Amino acid sequence: MTRLSLPVRVLVWVLVTVLLYAALTFVQIAVTAVRDQSEPSDAILVLGAAQYQGRPSPVFAARLDHAADLYAEGLAPVVVVTGGRQPGDTLSEANAADAYLQARGVPDTALRLEVDGRTSYESLAASARFMRAEGITDVILVSDGWHLQRSAEIARSVGLDPHPSPAEESPYGTASALQQMVRETAGLAVGRLIGFRRLDNLATASIVPGI
């Protein structure tokens, strides 16, 4: 039996390690995607998504509806909505969310807006800064299930204590959600290795796709 050369054995070992790491990361994302870990907290933090001239997209509306339900259940006294303006927008995602949640019965006094974030990292980092000033660190983190593992790890890296809670009525179908989970696997795996802030800097510089 021919023995593999040392360089080939090293290459095989590296490939196996990378595949196992990616598989473990994917499983963690999948498990978090279906587990509602909400509990009484200081605030509910909703990650932004697309909006159209003040009207939240179906994906964003599902996140906001879930946040409104959590607020109505009395799980937190404050709802933080995030998201800046994307190219071509006249309103920020957070402003659209603010109007939507007030229409759902969440009072203006309970709402906090983060209006500058263009990525998940920017939104979470900016939110963490003003929340900590109010003594808020314990948050129910609301987004689509596939987005929550990476978002929770980013939240921890900026000083928050997140409890992921997936939007149950998200319009993402199985195929679309699976595609997003594969993308999240890459983002989470790389972010853990180089740091989420550094990865975000690369993303916003268009060196890698924006996340």
C-alpha atoms as a PDB file:
ATOM      1  CA  MET A   1       0.000   0.000   0.000  1.00  0.00           C
ATOM      2  CA  THR A   2       1.408   3.355  -1.038  1.00  0.00           C
ATOM      3  CA  ARG A   3       1.949   5.703   1.878  1.00  0.00           C
ATOM      4  CA  LEU A   4       0.851   9.282   1.307  1.00  0.00           C
ATOM      5  CA  SER A   5       3.598  11.848   1.363  1.00  0.00           C
ATOM      6  CA  LEU A   6       3.754  14.240   4.306  1.00  0.00           C
ATOM      7  CA  PRO A   7       2.501  17.285   2.336  1.00  0.00           C
ATOM      8  CA  VAL A   8      -0.498  15.288   1.084  1.00  0.00           C
ATOM      9  CA  ARG A   9      -1.283  14.016   4.586  1.00  0.00           C
ATOM     10  CA  VAL A  10      -1.115  17.555   5.944  1.00  0.00           C
ATOM     11  CA  LEU A  11      -3.416  18.767   3.171  1.00  0.00           C
ATOM     12  CA  VAL A  12      -5.921  15.979   3.900  1.00  0.00           C
ATOM     13  CA  TRP A  13      -5.801  16.793   7.621  1.00  0.00           C
ATOM     14  CA  VAL A  14      -6.418  20.476   6.922  1.00  0.00           C
ATOM     15  CA  LEU A  15      -9.341  19.728   4.587  1.00  0.00           C
ATOM     16  CA  VAL A  16     -10.948  17.353   7.090  1.00  0.00           C
ATOM     17  CA  THR A  17     -10.527  19.909   9.872  1.00  0.00           C
ATOM     18  CA  VAL A  18     -12.091  22.667   7.768  1.00  0.00           C
ATOM     19  CA  LEU A  19     -15.028  20.445   6.801  1.00  0.00           C
ATOM     20  CA  LEU A  20     -15.649  19.393  10.402  1.00  0.00           C
ATOM     21  CA  TYR A  21     -15.454  23.005  11.568  1.00  0.00           C
ATOM     22  CA  ALA A  22     -17.915  24.105   8.884  1.00  0.00           C
ATOM     23  CA  ALA A  23     -20.271  21.217   9.696  1.00  0.00           C
ATOM     24  CA  LEU A  24     -20.242  22.008  13.413  1.00  0.00           C
ATOM     25  CA  THR A  25     -20.890  25.681  12.690  1.00  0.00           C
ATOM     26  CA  PHE A  26     -23.799  24.803  10.392  1.00  0.00           C
ATOM     27  CA  VAL A  27     -25.348  22.567  13.064  1.00  0.00           C
ATOM     28  CA  GLN A  28     -25.072  25.340  15.661  1.00  0.00           C
ATOM     29  CA  ILE A  29     -26.834  27.742  13.295  1.00  0.00           C
ATOM     30  CA  ALA A  30     -29.571  25.191  12.582  1.00  0.00           C
ATOM     31  CA  VAL A  31     -30.193  24.473  16.269  1.00  0.00           C
ATOM     32  CA  THR A  32     -30.357  28.155  17.225  1.00  0.00           C
ATOM     33  CA  ALA A  33     -32.698  28.806  14.288  1.00  0.00           C
ATOM     34  CA  VAL A  34     -35.479  26.718  15.847  1.00  0.00           C
ATOM     35  CA  ARG A  35     -34.966  27.426  19.560  1.00  0.00           C
ATOM     36  CA  ASP A  36     -36.832  30.303  21.165  1.00  0.00           C
ATOM     37  CA  GLN A  37     -34.640  31.324  24.095  1.00  0.00           C
ATOM     38  CA  SER A  38     -36.601  34.447  25.020  1.00  0.00           C
ATOM     39  CA  GLU A  39     -36.928  35.255  28.712  1.00  0.00           C
ATOM     40  CA  PRO A  40     -37.658  38.389  30.769  1.00  0.00           C
ATOM     41  CA  SER A  41     -34.989  40.904  29.748  1.00  0.00           C
ATOM     42  CA  ASP A  42     -34.066  44.581  29.741  1.00  0.00           C
ATOM     43  CA  ALA A  43     -35.045  45.046  26.096  1.00  0.00           C
ATOM     44  CA  ILE A  44     -36.110  43.413  22.852  1.00  0.00           C
ATOM     45  CA  LEU A  45     -33.626  44.131  20.046  1.00  0.00           C
ATOM     46  CA  VAL A  46     -34.861  43.698  16.467  1.00  0.00           C
ATOM     47  CA  LEU A  47     -32.368  43.431  13.628  1.00  0.00           C
ATOM     48  CA  GLY A  48     -33.333  45.392  10.552  1.00  0.00           C
ATOM     49  CA  ALA A  49     -34.202  44.218   7.057  1.00  0.00           C
ATOM     50  CA  ALA A  50     -35.401  45.829   3.851  1.00  0.00           C
ATOM     51  CA  GLN A  51     -38.110  48.480   3.856  1.00  0.00           C
ATOM     52  CA  TYR A  52     -39.788  50.252   0.960  1.00  0.00           C
ATOM     53  CA  GLN A  53     -40.478  53.952   1.539  1.00  0.00           C
ATOM     54  CA  GLY A  54     -41.512  53.318   5.121  1.00  0.00           C
ATOM     55  CA  ARG A  55     -43.201  49.960   4.559  1.00  0.00           C
ATOM     56  CA  PRO A  56     -41.286  47.036   6.079  1.00  0.00           C
ATOM     57  CA  SER A  57     -40.641  44.130   3.730  1.00  0.00           C
ATOM     58  CA  PRO A  58     -42.451  40.873   4.583  1.00  0.00           C
ATOM     59  CA  VAL A  59     -39.252  39.582   6.220  1.00  0.00           C
ATOM     60  CA  PHE A  60     -38.884  42.719   8.330  1.00  0.00           C
ATOM     61  CA  ALA A  61     -42.596  42.793   9.191  1.00  0.00           C
ATOM     62  CA  ALA A  62     -42.382  39.217  10.493  1.00  0.00           C
ATOM     63  CA  ARG A  63     -39.525  40.217  12.802  1.00  0.00           C
ATOM     64  CA  LEU A  64     -41.429  43.273  14.008  1.00  0.00           C
ATOM     65  CA  ASP A  65     -44.645  41.319  14.578  1.00  0.00           C
ATOM     66  CA  HIS A  66     -42.700  38.847  16.696  1.00  0.00           C
ATOM     67  CA  ALA A  67     -41.145  41.683  18.691  1.00  0.00           C
ATOM     68  CA  ALA A  68     -44.572  43.264  19.225  1.00  0.00           C
ATOM     69  CA  ASP A  69     -45.893  39.942  20.525  1.00  0.00           C
ATOM     70  CA  LEU A  70     -42.953  39.598  22.929  1.00  0.00           C
ATOM     71  CA  TYR A  71     -43.555  43.150  24.159  1.00  0.00           C
ATOM     72  CA  ALA A  72     -47.269  42.445  24.634  1.00  0.00           C
ATOM     73  CA  GLU A  73     -46.339  39.400  26.718  1.00  0.00           C
ATOM     74  CA  GLY A  74     -44.431  41.710  29.047  1.00  0.00           C
ATOM     75  CA  LEU A  75     -41.028  40.141  28.463  1.00  0.00           C
ATOM     76  CA  ALA A  76     -39.252  43.517  28.223  1.00  0.00           C
ATOM     77  CA  PRO A  77     -40.176  47.188  28.732  1.00  0.00           C
ATOM     78  CA  VAL A  78     -38.159  48.494  25.771  1.00  0.00           C
ATOM     79  CA  VAL A  79     -37.961  47.615  22.071  1.00  0.00           C
ATOM     80  CA  VAL A  80     -34.828  48.614  20.159  1.00  0.00           C
ATOM     81  CA  VAL A  81     -35.160  48.716  16.366  1.00  0.00           C
ATOM     82  CA  THR A  82     -32.108  48.877  14.157  1.00  0.00           C
ATOM     83  CA  GLY A  83     -31.054  49.627  10.613  1.00  0.00           C
ATOM     84  CA  GLY A  84     -29.886  52.590   8.613  1.00  0.00           C
ATOM     85  CA  ARG A  85     -30.654  53.720   5.087  1.00  0.00           C
ATOM     86  CA  GLN A  86     -29.574  51.536   2.221  1.00  0.00           C
ATOM     87  CA  PRO A  87     -28.638  53.092  -1.155  1.00  0.00           C
ATOM     88  CA  GLY A  88     -31.713  54.761  -2.646  1.00  0.00           C
ATOM     89  CA  ASP A  89     -33.695  54.823   0.610  1.00  0.00           C
ATOM     90  CA  THR A  90     -35.231  58.031   1.963  1.00  0.00           C
ATOM     91  CA  LEU A  91     -36.042  56.487   5.350  1.00  0.00           C
ATOM     92  CA  SER A  92     -33.997  54.257   7.608  1.00  0.00           C
ATOM     93  CA  GLU A  93     -35.063  50.726   8.444  1.00  0.00           C
ATOM     94  CA  ALA A  94     -35.336  51.783  12.087  1.00  0.00           C
ATOM     95  CA  ASN A  95     -37.710  54.655  11.245  1.00  0.00           C
ATOM     96  CA  ALA A  96     -39.936  52.309   9.263  1.00  0.00           C
ATOM     97  CA  ALA A  97     -39.891  49.863  12.175  1.00  0.00           C
ATOM     98  CA  ASP A  98     -40.743  52.612  14.656  1.00  0.00           C
ATOM     99  CA  ALA A  99     -43.900  53.580  12.756  1.00  0.00           C
ATOM    100  CA  TYR A 100     -44.882  49.937  12.245  1.00  0.00           C
ATOM    101  CA  LEU A 101     -44.542  49.026  15.915  1.00  0.00           C
ATOM    102  CA  GLN A 102     -46.458  52.085  17.067  1.00  0.00           C
ATOM    103  CA  ALA A 103     -49.274  50.979  14.755  1.00  0.00           C
ATOM    104  CA  ARG A 104     -49.054  47.581  16.483  1.00  0.00           C
ATOM    105  CA  GLY A 105     -49.590  49.239  19.859  1.00  0.00           C
ATOM    106  CA  VAL A 106     -46.038  49.632  21.145  1.00  0.00           C
ATOM    107  CA  PRO A 107     -45.866  53.116  22.728  1.00  0.00           C
ATOM    108  CA  ASP A 108     -43.355  55.663  21.502  1.00  0.00           C
ATOM    109  CA  THR A 109     -41.870  55.860  25.005  1.00  0.00           C
ATOM    110  CA  ALA A 110     -40.897  52.177  24.811  1.00  0.00           C
ATOM    111  CA  LEU A 111     -39.061  52.472  21.498  1.00  0.00           C
ATOM    112  CA  ARG A 112     -35.385  53.165  20.873  1.00  0.00           C
ATOM    113  CA  LEU A 113     -33.929  53.628  17.377  1.00  0.00           C
ATOM    114  CA  GLU A 114     -30.505  52.844  15.930  1.00  0.00           C
ATOM    115  CA  VAL A 115     -30.570  54.528  12.527  1.00  0.00           C
ATOM    116  CA  ASP A 116     -27.025  54.314  11.171  1.00  0.00           C
ATOM    117  CA  GLY A 117     -26.114  50.627  10.938  1.00  0.00           C
ATOM    118  CA  ARG A 118     -25.614  49.198   7.460  1.00  0.00           C
ATOM    119  CA  THR A 119     -24.641  45.708   8.620  1.00  0.00           C
ATOM    120  CA  SER A 120     -25.539  43.444  11.515  1.00  0.00           C
ATOM    121  CA  TYR A 121     -22.263  44.280  13.239  1.00  0.00           C
ATOM    122  CA  GLU A 122     -22.698  48.041  12.874  1.00  0.00           C
ATOM    123  CA  SER A 123     -26.279  47.910  14.140  1.00  0.00           C
ATOM    124  CA  LEU A 124     -25.433  45.757  17.146  1.00  0.00           C
ATOM    125  CA  ALA A 125     -22.321  47.735  18.076  1.00  0.00           C
ATOM    126  CA  ALA A 126     -24.132  51.081  17.843  1.00  0.00           C
ATOM    127  CA  SER A 127     -27.144  49.749  19.760  1.00  0.00           C
ATOM    128  CA  ALA A 128     -24.908  48.347  22.485  1.00  0.00           C
ATOM    129  CA  ARG A 129     -23.309  51.746  23.043  1.00  0.00           C
ATOM    130  CA  PHE A 130     -26.523  53.609  23.801  1.00  0.00           C
ATOM    131  CA  MET A 131     -28.165  50.675  25.576  1.00  0.00           C
ATOM    132  CA  ARG A 132     -25.278  50.320  27.994  1.00  0.00           C
ATOM    133  CA  ALA A 133     -25.652  54.033  28.768  1.00  0.00           C
ATOM    134  CA  GLU A 134     -29.227  53.221  29.863  1.00  0.00           C
ATOM    135  CA  GLY A 135     -28.097  50.196  31.847  1.00  0.00           C
ATOM    136  CA  ILE A 136     -29.456  47.756  29.252  1.00  0.00           C
ATOM    137  CA  THR A 137     -27.387  44.651  28.555  1.00  0.00           C
ATOM    138  CA  ASP A 138     -29.824  41.725  28.777  1.00  0.00           C
ATOM    139  CA  VAL A 139     -31.717  41.542  25.458  1.00  0.00           C
ATOM    140  CA  ILE A 140     -34.089  39.304  23.552  1.00  0.00           C
ATOM    141  CA  LEU A 141     -32.553  39.214  20.083  1.00  0.00           C
ATOM    142  CA  VAL A 142     -35.096  38.994  17.250  1.00  0.00           C
ATOM    143  CA  SER A 143     -34.303  38.088  13.658  1.00  0.00           C
ATOM    144  CA  ASP A 144     -34.827  35.220  11.234  1.00  0.00           C
ATOM    145  CA  GLY A 145     -33.714  31.935  12.729  1.00  0.00           C
ATOM    146  CA  TRP A 146     -30.818  31.404  10.334  1.00  0.00           C
ATOM    147  CA  HIS A 147     -29.431  34.838  11.283  1.00  0.00           C
ATOM    148  CA  LEU A 148     -29.455  34.419  15.052  1.00  0.00           C
ATOM    149  CA  GLN A 149     -26.342  32.397  15.908  1.00  0.00           C
ATOM    150  CA  ARG A 150     -23.966  34.860  14.264  1.00  0.00           C
ATOM    151  CA  SER A 151     -25.954  37.839  15.532  1.00  0.00           C
ATOM    152  CA  ALA A 152     -25.883  36.487  19.086  1.00  0.00           C
ATOM    153  CA  GLU A 153     -22.121  36.008  18.952  1.00  0.00           C
ATOM    154  CA  ILE A 154     -21.665  39.533  17.603  1.00  0.00           C
ATOM    155  CA  ALA A 155     -23.921  40.833  20.386  1.00  0.00           C
ATOM    156  CA  ARG A 156     -21.771  39.121  23.006  1.00  0.00           C
ATOM    157  CA  SER A 157     -18.628  40.558  21.439  1.00  0.00           C
ATOM    158  CA  VAL A 158     -19.982  44.112  21.921  1.00  0.00           C
ATOM    159  CA  GLY A 159     -21.004  43.570  25.531  1.00  0.00           C
ATOM    160  CA  LEU A 160     -24.618  42.396  25.362  1.00  0.00           C
ATOM    161  CA  ASP A 161     -26.203  39.273  26.847  1.00  0.00           C
ATOM    162  CA  PRO A 162     -28.505  38.034  24.053  1.00  0.00           C
ATOM    163  CA  HIS A 163     -31.386  35.559  24.189  1.00  0.00           C
ATOM    164  CA  PRO A 164     -32.152  34.572  20.563  1.00  0.00           C
ATOM    165  CA  SER A 165     -35.806  34.450  19.543  1.00  0.00           C
ATOM    166  CA  PRO A 166     -36.572  33.583  15.901  1.00  0.00           C
ATOM    167  CA  ALA A 167     -39.385  35.259  13.981  1.00  0.00           C
ATOM    168  CA  GLU A 168     -41.778  32.349  13.565  1.00  0.00           C
ATOM    169  CA  GLU A 169     -43.761  33.743  10.636  1.00  0.00           C
ATOM    170  CA  SER A 170     -40.799  34.604   8.428  1.00  0.00           C
ATOM    171  CA  PRO A 171     -41.705  34.256   4.736  1.00  0.00           C
ATOM    172  CA  TYR A 172     -38.398  32.570   3.912  1.00  0.00           C
ATOM    173  CA  GLY A 173     -39.055  29.171   2.367  1.00  0.00           C
ATOM    174  CA  THR A 174     -36.973  26.095   3.120  1.00  0.00           C
ATOM    175  CA  ALA A 175     -34.711  26.494   0.090  1.00  0.00           C
ATOM    176  CA  SER A 176     -34.089  30.193   0.730  1.00  0.00           C
ATOM    177  CA  ALA A 177     -33.465  29.608   4.432  1.00  0.00           C
ATOM    178  CA  LEU A 178     -31.011  26.818   3.628  1.00  0.00           C
ATOM    179  CA  GLN A 179     -29.153  29.099   1.234  1.00  0.00           C
ATOM    180  CA  GLN A 180     -28.941  31.765   3.926  1.00  0.00           C
ATOM    181  CA  MET A 181     -27.719  29.207   6.465  1.00  0.00           C
ATOM    182  CA  VAL A 182     -24.863  28.206   4.164  1.00  0.00           C
ATOM    183  CA  ARG A 183     -23.922  31.873   3.794  1.00  0.00           C
ATOM    184  CA  GLU A 184     -24.178  32.377   7.553  1.00  0.00           C
ATOM    185  CA  THR A 185     -21.952  29.347   8.099  1.00  0.00           C
ATOM    186  CA  ALA A 186     -19.190  31.032   6.125  1.00  0.00           C
ATOM    187  CA  GLY A 187     -19.676  34.371   7.877  1.00  0.00           C
ATOM    188  CA  LEU A 188     -19.768  32.847  11.349  1.00  0.00           C
ATOM    189  CA  ALA A 189     -16.826  30.526  10.759  1.00  0.00           C
ATOM    190  CA  VAL A 190     -14.626  33.331   9.445  1.00  0.00           C
ATOM    191  CA  GLY A 191     -15.828  35.825  12.047  1.00  0.00           C
ATOM    192  CA  ARG A 192     -14.865  33.488  14.860  1.00  0.00           C
ATOM    193  CA  LEU A 193     -11.375  33.167  13.425  1.00  0.00           C
ATOM    194  CA  ILE A 194     -10.548  36.788  12.590  1.00  0.00           C
ATOM    195  CA  GLY A 195     -13.054  38.682  14.740  1.00  0.00           C
ATOM    196  CA  PHE A 196     -16.458  40.037  13.757  1.00  0.00           C
ATOM    197  CA  ARG A 197     -15.295  43.638  13.694  1.00  0.00           C
ATOM    198  CA  ARG A 198     -12.493  42.847  11.264  1.00  0.00           C
ATOM    199  CA  LEU A 199     -14.839  40.798   9.086  1.00  0.00           C
ATOM    200  CA  ASP A 200     -17.314  43.669   9.024  1.00  0.00           C
ATOM    201  CA  ASN A 201     -14.556  46.066   7.980  1.00  0.00           C
ATOM    202  CA  LEU A 202     -13.721  43.748   5.079  1.00  0.00           C
ATOM    203  CA  ALA A 203     -17.391  43.494   4.141  1.00  0.00           C
ATOM    204  CA  THR A 204     -17.999  47.239   4.127  1.00  0.00           C
ATOM    205  CA  ALA A 205     -14.844  47.721   2.059  1.00  0.00           C
ATOM    206  CA  SER A 206     -16.434  45.356  -0.505  1.00  0.00           C
ATOM    207  CA  ILE A 207     -13.573  42.890  -0.203  1.00  0.00           C
ATOM    208  CA  VAL A 208     -16.099  40.228   0.757  1.00  0.00           C
ATOM    209  CA  PRO A 209     -19.897  40.275   0.287  1.00  0.00           C
ATOM    210  CA  GLY A 210     -21.648  42.560   2.747  1.00  0.00           C
ATOM    211  CA  ILE A 211     -22.972  40.832   5.850  1.00  0.00           C
END
